[in-house]
Amino acid sequence: MTQIVTVSPATAAYASQGMKMQTRTGTLFEQRIQHWSEDAKVRGDARTLAVLTVIQPPALALALLTAPGSTPQVTVTMAEAQRRYDEHGLPLPVEPA
């Protein structure tokens, strides 16, 4: 006796998610910190290596993200925004009422 079962591709994909190994890709900050650490090893920079050993990458990434003045503030007038949208042939977004 044979039983034939059909499953949609979406259901099969959903079911296979549980079988996959979860690998975490590093964030951009973690990749840059890793590169920074490798450069310090090559240069023999003991001070940088000590800091990177004490402060682990997630904490360092958080410190870099929340540092004051890390994000430049840009002030754009309505006329400047309109000009930029016109250059690219896009309509200005409508603000919700």
C-alpha atoms as a PDB file:
ATOM      1  CA  MET A   1       0.000   0.000   0.000  1.00  0.00           C
ATOM      2  CA  THR A   2       1.346   3.411  -0.979  1.00  0.00           C
ATOM      3  CA  GLN A   3       0.273   6.779   0.314  1.00  0.00           C
ATOM      4  CA  ILE A   4       0.926   9.834  -1.832  1.00  0.00           C
ATOM      5  CA  VAL A   5       1.220  13.144  -0.033  1.00  0.00           C
ATOM      6  CA  THR A   6       1.566  16.491  -1.720  1.00  0.00           C
ATOM      7  CA  VAL A   7       2.899  19.562   0.018  1.00  0.00           C
ATOM      8  CA  SER A   8       2.987  23.096  -1.302  1.00  0.00           C
ATOM      9  CA  PRO A   9       6.420  24.718  -1.718  1.00  0.00           C
ATOM     10  CA  ALA A  10       5.574  27.329   0.914  1.00  0.00           C
ATOM     11  CA  THR A  11       4.654  24.645   3.463  1.00  0.00           C
ATOM     12  CA  ALA A  12       7.785  22.653   2.659  1.00  0.00           C
ATOM     13  CA  ALA A  13       9.942  25.759   3.067  1.00  0.00           C
ATOM     14  CA  TYR A  14       8.292  26.577   6.389  1.00  0.00           C
ATOM     15  CA  ALA A  15       8.763  23.039   7.656  1.00  0.00           C
ATOM     16  CA  SER A  16      12.412  22.961   6.590  1.00  0.00           C
ATOM     17  CA  GLN A  17      13.236  26.125   8.576  1.00  0.00           C
ATOM     18  CA  GLY A  18      13.361  24.072  11.773  1.00  0.00           C
ATOM     19  CA  MET A  19      15.948  21.756  10.254  1.00  0.00           C
ATOM     20  CA  LYS A  20      18.371  24.504   9.280  1.00  0.00           C
ATOM     21  CA  MET A  21      21.305  25.364  11.482  1.00  0.00           C
ATOM     22  CA  GLN A  22      21.086  28.898  12.750  1.00  0.00           C
ATOM     23  CA  THR A  23      24.173  30.837  11.784  1.00  0.00           C
ATOM     24  CA  ARG A  24      24.458  34.412  12.883  1.00  0.00           C
ATOM     25  CA  THR A  25      26.055  36.744  10.432  1.00  0.00           C
ATOM     26  CA  GLY A  26      28.146  39.493  11.918  1.00  0.00           C
ATOM     27  CA  THR A  27      26.905  43.025  11.777  1.00  0.00           C
ATOM     28  CA  LEU A  28      28.863  45.681   9.939  1.00  0.00           C
ATOM     29  CA  PHE A  29      30.253  46.937  13.245  1.00  0.00           C
ATOM     30  CA  GLU A  30      31.339  43.446  14.286  1.00  0.00           C
ATOM     31  CA  GLN A  31      33.052  42.928  10.928  1.00  0.00           C
ATOM     32  CA  ARG A  32      34.892  46.244  11.240  1.00  0.00           C
ATOM     33  CA  ILE A  33      35.893  45.488  14.829  1.00  0.00           C
ATOM     34  CA  GLN A  34      37.218  42.094  13.698  1.00  0.00           C
ATOM     35  CA  HIS A  35      39.194  43.798  10.912  1.00  0.00           C
ATOM     36  CA  TRP A  36      40.475  46.375  13.413  1.00  0.00           C
ATOM     37  CA  SER A  37      41.600  43.548  15.717  1.00  0.00           C
ATOM     38  CA  GLU A  38      43.388  41.724  12.879  1.00  0.00           C
ATOM     39  CA  ASP A  39      45.179  44.938  11.874  1.00  0.00           C
ATOM     40  CA  ALA A  40      46.262  45.498  15.480  1.00  0.00           C
ATOM     41  CA  LYS A  41      47.695  41.959  15.603  1.00  0.00           C
ATOM     42  CA  VAL A  42      49.635  42.525  12.393  1.00  0.00           C
ATOM     43  CA  ARG A  43      50.989  45.888  13.622  1.00  0.00           C
ATOM     44  CA  GLY A  44      51.689  44.533  17.104  1.00  0.00           C
ATOM     45  CA  ASP A  45      49.544  47.231  18.714  1.00  0.00           C
ATOM     46  CA  ALA A  46      49.266  45.874  22.270  1.00  0.00           C
ATOM     47  CA  ARG A  47      47.101  48.752  23.514  1.00  0.00           C
ATOM     48  CA  THR A  48      44.388  48.236  20.878  1.00  0.00           C
ATOM     49  CA  LEU A  49      44.487  44.471  21.422  1.00  0.00           C
ATOM     50  CA  ALA A  50      44.062  44.992  25.182  1.00  0.00           C
ATOM     51  CA  VAL A  51      41.055  47.263  24.660  1.00  0.00           C
ATOM     52  CA  LEU A  52      39.464  44.833  22.217  1.00  0.00           C
ATOM     53  CA  THR A  53      40.069  41.951  24.629  1.00  0.00           C
ATOM     54  CA  VAL A  54      38.433  43.752  27.551  1.00  0.00           C
ATOM     55  CA  ILE A  55      35.551  45.244  25.547  1.00  0.00           C
ATOM     56  CA  GLN A  56      33.833  42.535  23.536  1.00  0.00           C
ATOM     57  CA  PRO A  57      32.504  43.378  20.028  1.00  0.00           C
ATOM     58  CA  PRO A  58      28.752  43.631  20.865  1.00  0.00           C
ATOM     59  CA  ALA A  59      29.445  46.120  23.664  1.00  0.00           C
ATOM     60  CA  LEU A  60      31.864  48.056  21.478  1.00  0.00           C
ATOM     61  CA  ALA A  61      29.350  48.148  18.627  1.00  0.00           C
ATOM     62  CA  LEU A  62      26.714  49.467  21.021  1.00  0.00           C
ATOM     63  CA  ALA A  63      29.138  52.117  22.269  1.00  0.00           C
ATOM     64  CA  LEU A  64      29.902  53.204  18.707  1.00  0.00           C
ATOM     65  CA  LEU A  65      26.213  53.323  17.786  1.00  0.00           C
ATOM     66  CA  THR A  66      25.214  55.373  20.818  1.00  0.00           C
ATOM     67  CA  ALA A  67      28.226  57.703  20.894  1.00  0.00           C
ATOM     68  CA  PRO A  68      27.234  61.369  20.986  1.00  0.00           C
ATOM     69  CA  GLY A  69      27.756  63.145  17.715  1.00  0.00           C
ATOM     70  CA  SER A  70      28.109  59.887  15.777  1.00  0.00           C
ATOM     71  CA  THR A  71      25.139  60.666  13.553  1.00  0.00           C
ATOM     72  CA  PRO A  72      25.368  63.925  11.681  1.00  0.00           C
ATOM     73  CA  GLN A  73      22.230  66.030  11.804  1.00  0.00           C
ATOM     74  CA  VAL A  74      21.139  67.228   8.385  1.00  0.00           C
ATOM     75  CA  THR A  75      18.689  70.065   7.980  1.00  0.00           C
ATOM     76  CA  VAL A  76      16.972  70.179   4.613  1.00  0.00           C
ATOM     77  CA  THR A  77      14.491  72.854   3.704  1.00  0.00           C
ATOM     78  CA  MET A  78      11.277  72.028   1.896  1.00  0.00           C
ATOM     79  CA  ALA A  79      12.598  73.775  -1.230  1.00  0.00           C
ATOM     80  CA  GLU A  80      15.785  71.685  -1.155  1.00  0.00           C
ATOM     81  CA  ALA A  81      13.784  68.476  -0.721  1.00  0.00           C
ATOM     82  CA  GLN A  82      11.506  69.472  -3.616  1.00  0.00           C
ATOM     83  CA  ARG A  83      14.541  70.172  -5.826  1.00  0.00           C
ATOM     84  CA  ARG A  84      16.079  66.773  -5.004  1.00  0.00           C
ATOM     85  CA  TYR A  85      12.831  64.939  -5.718  1.00  0.00           C
ATOM     86  CA  ASP A  86      12.447  66.855  -8.996  1.00  0.00           C
ATOM     87  CA  GLU A  87      16.007  65.918 -10.051  1.00  0.00           C
ATOM     88  CA  HIS A  88      15.114  62.244  -9.772  1.00  0.00           C
ATOM     89  CA  GLY A  89      11.629  62.578 -11.216  1.00  0.00           C
ATOM     90  CA  LEU A  90       9.881  61.454  -8.023  1.00  0.00           C
ATOM     91  CA  PRO A  91       6.764  62.929  -6.429  1.00  0.00           C
ATOM     92  CA  LEU A  92       7.066  64.282  -2.903  1.00  0.00           C
ATOM     93  CA  PRO A  93       5.582  61.908  -0.305  1.00  0.00           C
ATOM     94  CA  VAL A  94       2.264  63.080   1.106  1.00  0.00           C
ATOM     95  CA  GLU A  95       2.126  63.569   4.866  1.00  0.00           C
ATOM     96  CA  PRO A  96      -0.751  61.740   6.579  1.00  0.00           C
ATOM     97  CA  ALA A  97      -3.521  64.047   7.801  1.00  0.00           C
END
